[in-house]
C-alpha atoms as a PDB file:
ATOM      1  CA  MET A   1     -84.103  24.960 -25.418  1.00  0.00           C
ATOM      2  CA  LYS A   2     -81.338  25.287 -27.985  1.00  0.00           C
ATOM      3  CA  LYS A   3     -79.421  28.550 -28.156  1.00  0.00           C
ATOM      4  CA  LYS A   4     -78.988  30.421 -31.420  1.00  0.00           C
ATOM      5  CA  VAL A   5     -75.321  30.493 -32.372  1.00  0.00           C
ATOM      6  CA  ALA A   6     -73.240  31.799 -35.276  1.00  0.00           C
ATOM      7  CA  LEU A   7     -69.825  30.597 -36.393  1.00  0.00           C
ATOM      8  CA  ILE A   8     -66.947  32.517 -37.940  1.00  0.00           C
ATOM      9  CA  GLY A   9     -63.963  30.538 -39.247  1.00  0.00           C
ATOM     10  CA  ALA A  10     -65.725  27.509 -40.709  1.00  0.00           C
ATOM     11  CA  ASP A  11     -63.050  27.391 -43.394  1.00  0.00           C
ATOM     12  CA  THR A  12     -60.309  26.592 -40.860  1.00  0.00           C
ATOM     13  CA  LEU A  13     -59.481  23.113 -39.551  1.00  0.00           C
ATOM     14  CA  LYS A  14     -60.968  23.695 -36.107  1.00  0.00           C
ATOM     15  CA  GLY A  15     -63.813  25.699 -37.567  1.00  0.00           C
ATOM     16  CA  ALA A  16     -64.773  22.817 -39.792  1.00  0.00           C
ATOM     17  CA  LEU A  17     -64.890  20.520 -36.716  1.00  0.00           C
ATOM     18  CA  HIS A  18     -67.171  23.014 -34.964  1.00  0.00           C
ATOM     19  CA  LEU A  19     -69.406  23.167 -38.046  1.00  0.00           C
ATOM     20  CA  SER A  20     -69.609  19.371 -38.294  1.00  0.00           C
ATOM     21  CA  GLU A  21     -70.744  19.154 -34.668  1.00  0.00           C
ATOM     22  CA  LEU A  22     -73.176  22.093 -34.946  1.00  0.00           C
ATOM     23  CA  ARG A  23     -74.991  20.361 -37.814  1.00  0.00           C
ATOM     24  CA  ARG A  24     -76.414  17.857 -35.319  1.00  0.00           C
ATOM     25  CA  SER A  25     -76.015  19.700 -32.026  1.00  0.00           C
ATOM     26  CA  ASP A  26     -78.283  19.070 -29.044  1.00  0.00           C
ATOM     27  CA  TYR A  27     -77.317  22.436 -27.594  1.00  0.00           C
ATOM     28  CA  PHE A  28     -77.186  25.002 -30.389  1.00  0.00           C
ATOM     29  CA  GLU A  29     -79.118  26.037 -33.484  1.00  0.00           C
ATOM     30  CA  LEU A  30     -76.641  27.315 -36.102  1.00  0.00           C
ATOM     31  CA  VAL A  31     -78.300  30.428 -37.594  1.00  0.00           C
ATOM     32  CA  GLY A  32     -75.425  31.781 -39.647  1.00  0.00           C
ATOM     33  CA  ILE A  33     -71.833  31.338 -40.841  1.00  0.00           C
ATOM     34  CA  VAL A  34     -69.446  34.176 -41.597  1.00  0.00           C
ATOM     35  CA  ASP A  35     -67.058  33.410 -44.460  1.00  0.00           C
ATOM     36  CA  GLU A  36     -65.831  36.179 -46.694  1.00  0.00           C
ATOM     37  CA  ASN A  37     -65.081  33.569 -49.408  1.00  0.00           C
ATOM     38  CA  GLN A  38     -68.817  32.921 -49.653  1.00  0.00           C
ATOM     39  CA  LYS A  39     -68.473  29.162 -49.714  1.00  0.00           C
ATOM     40  CA  ASP A  40     -71.695  27.181 -50.004  1.00  0.00           C
ATOM     41  CA  TYR A  41     -72.634  25.623 -46.657  1.00  0.00           C
ATOM     42  CA  GLY A  42     -75.904  24.064 -47.752  1.00  0.00           C
ATOM     43  CA  ARG A  43     -78.843  24.884 -45.499  1.00  0.00           C
ATOM     44  CA  PHE A  44     -76.766  27.318 -43.419  1.00  0.00           C
ATOM     45  CA  GLU A  45     -76.761  30.898 -44.617  1.00  0.00           C
ATOM     46  CA  ASN A  46     -73.291  32.305 -45.249  1.00  0.00           C
ATOM     47  CA  PHE A  47     -72.629  35.970 -44.598  1.00  0.00           C
ATOM     48  CA  ALA A  48     -69.721  37.926 -46.078  1.00  0.00           C
ATOM     49  CA  SER A  49     -69.031  39.810 -42.857  1.00  0.00           C
ATOM     50  CA  LEU A  50     -69.987  39.873 -39.185  1.00  0.00           C
ATOM     51  CA  GLN A  51     -71.908  43.092 -39.708  1.00  0.00           C
ATOM     52  CA  ASP A  52     -73.974  41.439 -42.464  1.00  0.00           C
ATOM     53  CA  LEU A  53     -74.798  38.642 -40.019  1.00  0.00           C
ATOM     54  CA  PHE A  54     -75.819  40.983 -37.212  1.00  0.00           C
ATOM     55  CA  ASN A  55     -77.993  43.015 -39.611  1.00  0.00           C
ATOM     56  CA  GLU A  56     -80.039  39.908 -40.418  1.00  0.00           C
ATOM     57  CA  VAL A  57     -80.187  37.638 -37.366  1.00  0.00           C
ATOM     58  CA  SER A  58     -80.129  37.781 -33.594  1.00  0.00           C
ATOM     59  CA  ILE A  59     -77.894  35.333 -31.739  1.00  0.00           C
ATOM     60  CA  ASP A  60     -77.429  34.081 -28.220  1.00  0.00           C
ATOM     61  CA  ALA A  61     -73.796  33.102 -28.678  1.00  0.00           C
ATOM     62  CA  MET A  62     -70.866  33.282 -31.047  1.00  0.00           C
ATOM     63  CA  ILE A  63     -68.094  30.769 -31.842  1.00  0.00           C
ATOM     64  CA  ILE A  64     -64.880  32.256 -33.219  1.00  0.00           C
ATOM     65  CA  ALA A  65     -62.497  29.793 -34.898  1.00  0.00           C
ATOM     66  CA  THR A  66     -60.565  32.083 -37.235  1.00  0.00           C
ATOM     67  CA  ASN A  67     -56.774  32.524 -37.389  1.00  0.00           C
ATOM     68  CA  PRO A  68     -55.691  33.809 -33.919  1.00  0.00           C
ATOM     69  CA  LYS A  69     -54.288  36.977 -35.518  1.00  0.00           C
ATOM     70  CA  ASN A  70     -57.886  37.969 -36.308  1.00  0.00           C
ATOM     71  CA  HIS A  71     -59.427  37.048 -32.955  1.00  0.00           C
ATOM     72  CA  LYS A  72     -59.182  40.459 -31.339  1.00  0.00           C
ATOM     73  CA  GLU A  73     -60.813  42.199 -34.278  1.00  0.00           C
ATOM     74  CA  ASN A  74     -63.638  39.657 -34.438  1.00  0.00           C
ATOM     75  CA  ILE A  75     -64.252  39.716 -30.695  1.00  0.00           C
ATOM     76  CA  LEU A  76     -64.516  43.514 -30.646  1.00  0.00           C
ATOM     77  CA  LYS A  77     -67.037  43.343 -33.492  1.00  0.00           C
ATOM     78  CA  CYS A  78     -69.175  40.829 -31.579  1.00  0.00           C
ATOM     79  CA  ILE A  79     -69.406  42.420 -28.152  1.00  0.00           C
ATOM     80  CA  ASN A  80     -72.312  44.751 -29.043  1.00  0.00           C
ATOM     81  CA  TYR A  81     -74.407  41.862 -30.385  1.00  0.00           C
ATOM     82  CA  THR A  82     -73.960  38.926 -28.003  1.00  0.00           C
ATOM     83  CA  LYS A  83     -72.975  38.379 -24.408  1.00  0.00           C
ATOM     84  CA  ASN A  84     -71.552  34.892 -24.927  1.00  0.00           C
ATOM     85  CA  ILE A  85     -68.432  34.183 -26.959  1.00  0.00           C
ATOM     86  CA  LEU A  86     -66.363  30.998 -27.361  1.00  0.00           C
ATOM     87  CA  VAL A  87     -62.916  31.467 -28.938  1.00  0.00           C
ATOM     88  CA  GLN A  88     -60.783  28.611 -30.266  1.00  0.00           C
ATOM     89  CA  ALA A  89     -57.362  28.626 -28.615  1.00  0.00           C
ATOM     90  CA  PRO A  90     -55.011  30.381 -28.695  1.00  0.00           C
ATOM     91  CA  LEU A  91     -56.969  33.489 -27.764  1.00  0.00           C
ATOM     92  CA  ALA A  92     -54.601  35.932 -29.535  1.00  0.00           C
ATOM     93  CA  ASN A  93     -51.145  36.191 -31.094  1.00  0.00           C
ATOM     94  CA  THR A  94     -49.579  38.472 -28.481  1.00  0.00           C
ATOM     95  CA  LEU A  95     -49.788  39.418 -24.820  1.00  0.00           C
ATOM     96  CA  SER A  96     -50.882  42.956 -25.697  1.00  0.00           C
ATOM     97  CA  GLN A  97     -53.764  41.655 -27.843  1.00  0.00           C
ATOM     98  CA  THR A  98     -54.801  39.333 -25.035  1.00  0.00           C
ATOM     99  CA  ARG A  99     -54.853  42.204 -22.511  1.00  0.00           C
ATOM    100  CA  GLU A 100     -56.839  44.404 -24.900  1.00  0.00           C
ATOM    101  CA  ILE A 101     -59.432  41.628 -25.274  1.00  0.00           C
ATOM    102  CA  ASN A 102     -59.564  41.228 -21.504  1.00  0.00           C
ATOM    103  CA  TYR A 103     -60.213  44.952 -21.031  1.00  0.00           C
ATOM    104  CA  ALA A 104     -62.970  45.027 -23.645  1.00  0.00           C
ATOM    105  CA  ILE A 105     -64.637  41.937 -22.238  1.00  0.00           C
ATOM    106  CA  LYS A 106     -64.667  43.245 -18.687  1.00  0.00           C
ATOM    107  CA  THR A 107     -65.790  46.739 -19.725  1.00  0.00           C
ATOM    108  CA  ASN A 108     -68.710  45.384 -21.745  1.00  0.00           C
ATOM    109  CA  LYS A 109     -69.551  42.537 -19.258  1.00  0.00           C
ATOM    110  CA  ILE A 110     -69.152  39.783 -21.840  1.00  0.00           C
ATOM    111  CA  ASN A 111     -68.922  36.103 -20.990  1.00  0.00           C
ATOM    112  CA  LEU A 112     -65.933  34.826 -22.956  1.00  0.00           C
ATOM    113  CA  ALA A 113     -64.403  31.348 -22.712  1.00  0.00           C
ATOM    114  CA  VAL A 114     -61.441  29.816 -24.560  1.00  0.00           C
ATOM    115  CA  ALA A 115     -61.694  26.331 -26.058  1.00  0.00           C
ATOM    116  CA  TYR A 116     -58.700  24.039 -25.570  1.00  0.00           C
ATOM    117  CA  ASN A 117     -60.266  20.954 -27.117  1.00  0.00           C
ATOM    118  CA  ASN A 118     -57.654  18.484 -25.828  1.00  0.00           C
ATOM    119  CA  ARG A 119     -58.970  19.082 -22.334  1.00  0.00           C
ATOM    120  CA  PHE A 120     -61.824  16.861 -23.522  1.00  0.00           C
ATOM    121  CA  ASN A 121     -59.631  14.390 -25.455  1.00  0.00           C
ATOM    122  CA  PRO A 122     -60.637  10.865 -24.348  1.00  0.00           C
ATOM    123  CA  ALA A 123     -57.029   9.922 -23.612  1.00  0.00           C
ATOM    124  CA  ILE A 124     -56.699  12.960 -21.329  1.00  0.00           C
ATOM    125  CA  ILE A 125     -59.982  12.211 -19.542  1.00  0.00           C
ATOM    126  CA  SER A 126     -58.750   8.693 -18.802  1.00  0.00           C
ATOM    127  CA  LEU A 127     -55.280   9.910 -17.795  1.00  0.00           C
ATOM    128  CA  ILE A 128     -56.732  12.362 -15.256  1.00  0.00           C
ATOM    129  CA  ARG A 129     -58.907   9.638 -13.852  1.00  0.00           C
ATOM    130  CA  GLU A 130     -55.898   7.352 -13.346  1.00  0.00           C
ATOM    131  CA  LEU A 131     -53.663  10.081 -11.898  1.00  0.00           C
ATOM    132  CA  LYS A 132     -56.198  10.793  -9.161  1.00  0.00           C
ATOM    133  CA  LYS A 133     -55.310   7.304  -7.811  1.00  0.00           C
ATOM    134  CA  GLU A 134     -51.587   8.166  -7.518  1.00  0.00           C
ATOM    135  CA  LYS A 135     -49.938   9.221  -4.267  1.00  0.00           C
ATOM    136  CA  GLU A 136     -47.495  11.441  -6.148  1.00  0.00           C
ATOM    137  CA  ILE A 137     -46.823  12.675  -9.660  1.00  0.00           C
ATOM    138  CA  TYR A 138     -43.193  13.505 -10.472  1.00  0.00           C
ATOM    139  CA  SER A 139     -43.015  14.695 -14.073  1.00  0.00           C
ATOM    140  CA  LEU A 140     -44.712  14.999 -17.449  1.00  0.00           C
ATOM    141  CA  ASN A 141     -43.010  14.897 -20.860  1.00  0.00           C
ATOM    142  CA  PHE A 142     -44.893  16.217 -23.887  1.00  0.00           C
ATOM    143  CA  ILE A 143     -44.110  15.391 -27.516  1.00  0.00           C
ATOM    144  CA  ASN A 144     -46.176  17.408 -29.984  1.00  0.00           C
ATOM    145  CA  ALA A 145     -45.059  17.194 -33.644  1.00  0.00           C
ATOM    146  CA  SER A 146     -46.442  17.871 -37.100  1.00  0.00           C
ATOM    147  CA  ASN A 147     -45.344  19.457 -40.355  1.00  0.00           C
ATOM    148  CA  GLU A 148     -48.334  21.797 -40.353  1.00  0.00           C
ATOM    149  CA  GLY A 149     -49.571  24.712 -38.226  1.00  0.00           C
ATOM    150  CA  GLU A 150     -47.783  27.184 -35.998  1.00  0.00           C
ATOM    151  CA  ILE A 151     -45.253  25.530 -33.680  1.00  0.00           C
ATOM    152  CA  LEU A 152     -45.788  28.127 -30.898  1.00  0.00           C
ATOM    153  CA  ASP A 153     -49.488  27.287 -30.899  1.00  0.00           C
ATOM    154  CA  TYR A 154     -48.556  23.650 -30.135  1.00  0.00           C
ATOM    155  CA  LEU A 155     -46.630  24.819 -27.082  1.00  0.00           C
ATOM    156  CA  ILE A 156     -49.300  27.204 -25.851  1.00  0.00           C
ATOM    157  CA  LYS A 157     -51.905  24.435 -25.966  1.00  0.00           C
ATOM    158  CA  ASP A 158     -49.624  21.953 -24.194  1.00  0.00           C
ATOM    159  CA  ILE A 159     -48.796  24.440 -21.469  1.00  0.00           C
ATOM    160  CA  ASP A 160     -52.502  24.874 -20.868  1.00  0.00           C
ATOM    161  CA  LEU A 161     -52.944  21.094 -20.878  1.00  0.00           C
ATOM    162  CA  CYS A 162     -50.203  20.496 -18.294  1.00  0.00           C
ATOM    163  CA  LYS A 163     -51.755  23.098 -15.985  1.00  0.00           C
ATOM    164  CA  PHE A 164     -55.156  21.480 -16.451  1.00  0.00           C
ATOM    165  CA  ILE A 165     -53.910  17.949 -15.778  1.00  0.00           C
ATOM    166  CA  CYS A 166     -51.841  18.936 -12.759  1.00  0.00           C
ATOM    167  CA  ASN A 167     -54.185  21.625 -11.432  1.00  0.00           C
ATOM    168  CA  SER A 168     -51.261  23.925 -10.600  1.00  0.00           C
ATOM    169  CA  GLU A 169     -49.668  27.202 -11.722  1.00  0.00           C
ATOM    170  CA  ILE A 170     -46.187  27.743 -13.157  1.00  0.00           C
ATOM    171  CA  THR A 171     -43.258  29.004 -11.045  1.00  0.00           C
ATOM    172  CA  ASN A 172     -40.282  28.540 -13.411  1.00  0.00           C
ATOM    173  CA  PHE A 173     -40.118  28.498 -17.215  1.00  0.00           C
ATOM    174  CA  ASN A 174     -37.290  28.072 -19.695  1.00  0.00           C
ATOM    175  CA  LEU A 175     -37.566  28.020 -23.517  1.00  0.00           C
ATOM    176  CA  ASN A 176     -35.054  27.144 -26.242  1.00  0.00           C
ATOM    177  CA  LYS A 177     -35.610  27.464 -29.995  1.00  0.00           C
ATOM    178  CA  THR A 178     -33.840  25.578 -32.749  1.00  0.00           C
ATOM    179  CA  LEU A 179     -34.058  27.355 -36.116  1.00  0.00           C
ATOM    180  CA  PHE A 180     -33.946  25.762 -39.552  1.00  0.00           C
ATOM    181  CA  GLY A 181     -34.351  26.505 -43.231  1.00  0.00           C
ATOM    182  CA  GLU A 182     -33.431  29.551 -45.330  1.00  0.00           C
ATOM    183  CA  ASN A 183     -35.737  31.779 -43.262  1.00  0.00           C
ATOM    184  CA  ASN A 184     -34.419  30.568 -39.903  1.00  0.00           C
ATOM    185  CA  THR A 185     -37.872  29.732 -38.638  1.00  0.00           C
ATOM    186  CA  PRO A 186     -38.307  27.737 -35.403  1.00  0.00           C
ATOM    187  CA  GLY A 187     -38.193  24.019 -36.196  1.00  0.00           C
ATOM    188  CA  ILE A 188     -38.064  22.726 -32.620  1.00  0.00           C
ATOM    189  CA  LEU A 189     -39.142  24.307 -29.357  1.00  0.00           C
ATOM    190  CA  ASN A 190     -37.873  22.792 -26.091  1.00  0.00           C
ATOM    191  CA  ALA A 191     -39.394  24.112 -22.899  1.00  0.00           C
ATOM    192  CA  ALA A 192     -39.123  23.176 -19.231  1.00  0.00           C
ATOM    193  CA  ILE A 193     -41.554  24.130 -16.461  1.00  0.00           C
ATOM    194  CA  LYS A 194     -41.737  23.774 -12.722  1.00  0.00           C
ATOM    195  CA  LEU A 195     -45.186  23.928 -11.184  1.00  0.00           C
ATOM    196  CA  LYS A 196     -46.098  25.175  -7.697  1.00  0.00           C
ATOM    197  CA  ASN A 197     -46.850  21.649  -6.619  1.00  0.00           C
ATOM    198  CA  GLU A 198     -43.243  20.658  -7.542  1.00  0.00           C
ATOM    199  CA  ILE A 199     -44.175  18.670 -10.682  1.00  0.00           C
ATOM    200  CA  LEU A 200     -41.629  19.095 -13.464  1.00  0.00           C
ATOM    201  CA  ILE A 201     -42.739  19.401 -17.101  1.00  0.00           C
ATOM    202  CA  ASN A 202     -40.768  19.055 -20.322  1.00  0.00           C
ATOM    203  CA  PHE A 203     -42.065  19.979 -23.794  1.00  0.00           C
ATOM    204  CA  MET A 204     -40.737  19.117 -27.228  1.00  0.00           C
ATOM    205  CA  CYS A 205     -42.641  20.693 -30.123  1.00  0.00           C
ATOM    206  CA  SER A 206     -41.405  19.998 -33.632  1.00  0.00           C
ATOM    207  CA  LYS A 207     -42.258  20.963 -37.194  1.00  0.00           C
ATOM    208  CA  LEU A 208     -39.908  18.268 -38.557  1.00  0.00           C
ATOM    209  CA  TYR A 209     -42.095  15.173 -38.300  1.00  0.00           C
ATOM    210  CA  PRO A 210     -43.691  13.742 -41.480  1.00  0.00           C
ATOM    211  CA  ILE A 211     -46.813  12.612 -39.591  1.00  0.00           C
ATOM    212  CA  ARG A 212     -48.803  13.981 -36.646  1.00  0.00           C
ATOM    213  CA  ARG A 213     -47.594  12.905 -33.225  1.00  0.00           C
ATOM    214  CA  HIS A 214     -48.913  13.975 -29.814  1.00  0.00           C
ATOM    215  CA  LYS A 215     -48.029  12.000 -26.665  1.00  0.00           C
ATOM    216  CA  ILE A 216     -47.619  12.617 -22.968  1.00  0.00           C
ATOM    217  CA  GLU A 217     -45.472  10.477 -20.680  1.00  0.00           C
ATOM    218  CA  VAL A 218     -46.221  10.794 -16.953  1.00  0.00           C
ATOM    219  CA  SER A 219     -43.963   9.562 -14.186  1.00  0.00           C
ATOM    220  CA  ALA A 220     -45.906   8.764 -11.014  1.00  0.00           C
ATOM    221  CA  ASP A 221     -45.572   6.806  -7.781  1.00  0.00           C
ATOM    222  CA  SER A 222     -46.813   3.456  -9.093  1.00  0.00           C
ATOM    223  CA  GLY A 223     -45.281   3.564 -12.589  1.00  0.00           C
ATOM    224  CA  PHE A 224     -45.384   5.660 -15.732  1.00  0.00           C
ATOM    225  CA  TYR A 225     -48.160   6.358 -18.209  1.00  0.00           C
ATOM    226  CA  ILE A 226     -48.075   7.024 -21.940  1.00  0.00           C
ATOM    227  CA  ALA A 227     -51.137   8.807 -23.344  1.00  0.00           C
ATOM    228  CA  ASP A 228     -51.515   9.096 -27.129  1.00  0.00           C
ATOM    229  CA  LEU A 229     -53.815  12.014 -28.050  1.00  0.00           C
ATOM    230  CA  ILE A 230     -53.950  10.959 -31.718  1.00  0.00           C
ATOM    231  CA  THR A 231     -54.875   7.282 -31.347  1.00  0.00           C
ATOM    232  CA  PHE A 232     -56.758   7.767 -28.043  1.00  0.00           C
ATOM    233  CA  THR A 233     -54.835   5.148 -26.091  1.00  0.00           C
ATOM    234  CA  LEU A 234     -53.402   5.044 -22.593  1.00  0.00           C
ATOM    235  CA  HIS A 235     -50.822   2.562 -21.298  1.00  0.00           C
ATOM    236  CA  LYS A 236     -49.349   2.127 -17.857  1.00  0.00           C
ATOM    237  CA  HIS A 237     -45.904   0.616 -17.320  1.00  0.00           C
ATOM    238  CA  THR A 238     -45.131  -0.960 -13.918  1.00  0.00           C
ATOM    239  CA  GLU A 239     -42.577  -3.399 -12.563  1.00  0.00           C
ATOM    240  CA  ASN A 240     -45.082  -6.143 -13.378  1.00  0.00           C
ATOM    241  CA  GLY A 241     -45.444  -5.207 -17.056  1.00  0.00           C
ATOM    242  CA  LEU A 242     -47.673  -3.216 -19.413  1.00  0.00           C
ATOM    243  CA  ILE A 243     -51.347  -2.413 -18.691  1.00  0.00           C
ATOM    244  CA  ASN A 244     -53.755  -1.180 -21.337  1.00  0.00           C
ATOM    245  CA  LEU A 245     -56.099   1.263 -19.655  1.00  0.00           C
ATOM    246  CA  ARG A 246     -59.647   1.986 -20.754  1.00  0.00           C
ATOM    247  CA  VAL A 247     -60.202   4.971 -23.102  1.00  0.00           C
ATOM    248  CA  ASP A 248     -63.336   5.867 -25.002  1.00  0.00           C
ATOM    249  CA  ASN A 249     -62.927   4.906 -28.687  1.00  0.00           C
ATOM    250  CA  ASP A 250     -64.770   7.988 -30.003  1.00  0.00           C
ATOM    251  CA  ASN A 251     -63.464  11.533 -29.831  1.00  0.00           C
ATOM    252  CA  PHE A 252     -66.323  13.734 -28.661  1.00  0.00           C
ATOM    253  CA  SER A 253     -64.090  16.617 -27.606  1.00  0.00           C
ATOM    254  CA  ILE A 254     -65.895  19.228 -29.759  1.00  0.00           C
ATOM    255  CA  ARG A 255     -69.282  17.998 -28.535  1.00  0.00           C
ATOM    256  CA  LYS A 256     -68.137  18.207 -24.949  1.00  0.00           C
ATOM    257  CA  THR A 257     -66.736  21.680 -25.671  1.00  0.00           C
ATOM    258  CA  HIS A 258     -70.162  22.782 -26.972  1.00  0.00           C
ATOM    259  CA  GLU A 259     -71.921  21.252 -23.968  1.00  0.00           C
ATOM    260  CA  ALA A 260     -69.593  23.172 -21.638  1.00  0.00           C
ATOM    261  CA  PHE A 261     -70.174  26.376 -23.621  1.00  0.00           C
ATOM    262  CA  PHE A 262     -73.954  25.891 -23.554  1.00  0.00           C
ATOM    263  CA  ASN A 263     -73.820  25.665 -19.758  1.00  0.00           C
ATOM    264  CA  PHE A 264     -71.360  28.547 -19.562  1.00  0.00           C
ATOM    265  CA  CYS A 265     -73.881  30.815 -21.366  1.00  0.00           C
ATOM    266  CA  ASP A 266     -76.332  30.259 -18.460  1.00  0.00           C
ATOM    267  CA  SER A 267     -74.092  29.873 -15.474  1.00  0.00           C
ATOM    268  CA  CYS A 268     -70.663  31.318 -16.398  1.00  0.00           C
ATOM    269  CA  GLU A 269     -69.144  28.085 -14.975  1.00  0.00           C
ATOM    270  CA  LEU A 270     -66.213  27.049 -17.155  1.00  0.00           C
ATOM    271  CA  SER A 271     -66.650  23.228 -16.808  1.00  0.00           C
ATOM    272  CA  GLY A 272     -63.428  22.458 -18.700  1.00  0.00           C
ATOM    273  CA  LEU A 273     -63.258  25.681 -20.735  1.00  0.00           C
ATOM    274  CA  ALA A 274     -60.590  28.292 -19.959  1.00  0.00           C
ATOM    275  CA  ASP A 275     -60.884  31.895 -18.948  1.00  0.00           C
ATOM    276  CA  ILE A 276     -58.956  34.910 -20.231  1.00  0.00           C
ATOM    277  CA  GLU A 277     -56.713  35.027 -17.160  1.00  0.00           C
ATOM    278  CA  ASN A 278     -55.346  31.661 -18.175  1.00  0.00           C
ATOM    279  CA  SER A 279     -54.400  33.014 -21.621  1.00  0.00           C
ATOM    280  CA  ILE A 280     -52.757  36.074 -20.077  1.00  0.00           C
ATOM    281  CA  LYS A 281     -50.627  33.945 -17.701  1.00  0.00           C
ATOM    282  CA  ILE A 282     -49.436  31.708 -20.548  1.00  0.00           C
ATOM    283  CA  ARG A 283     -48.529  34.691 -22.738  1.00  0.00           C
ATOM    284  CA  GLU A 284     -46.716  36.365 -19.839  1.00  0.00           C
ATOM    285  CA  ILE A 285     -44.328  33.439 -19.349  1.00  0.00           C
ATOM    286  CA  LEU A 286     -43.604  33.344 -23.070  1.00  0.00           C
ATOM    287  CA  CYS A 287     -42.492  37.000 -23.192  1.00  0.00           C
END
């Protein structure tokens, strides 16, 4: 049976993707959207506030895809009306906000999961499958670039992704910022990580690219891999040449996220979603 869900943040990029998938979901019935701008969403009723929503409908679950600076406020408003909450990463803007959310969730016995959609990216699924065949993995290099969005959010999501791919925690972390423009805002972030399993990670996040770019290069025992998270391709380079590895052509990452959340509502098993402790650990190393 489908679960009744509401969505706040349908006017954001990720929120729009959630809405598109919820229109035809096998797992959820969308019973309300919260958008203070009162945009017309067709057959889905739009409420001006969360309280207006809760006054009119009962829900089994909530999806929050607003700006991260508003996540804590929205989560605290939801905890009296639903036990199941999915929050689009990053969970919050600061470590203190993340800890406050954690306290509220535990105190009120709420099931909250964080959605890092690239965990379900088809290139990542294929990459993880291939890396399981390797005797040893030496290093990962991330390039994440765009001229839109928050550059620190790029890094947070890639740190999560490296932990997810390598199934290990961080022991050492170094971060360098390169500022640009009249306001001296970060244009490039360079970070280096060492994991407990001795794998070394390098990140380059940039706001100075004219088009979106997101790639991971992995050095392993039998060669090196290049995964493209935008074009959904995976190549392996060996002494014998280049190999094109199989990757699903369609990106069903949001659908897989919803499937995992549906199961999480019943079992509390994350199945590719992240818990709050993961968000706390990432924020702690960034402080």
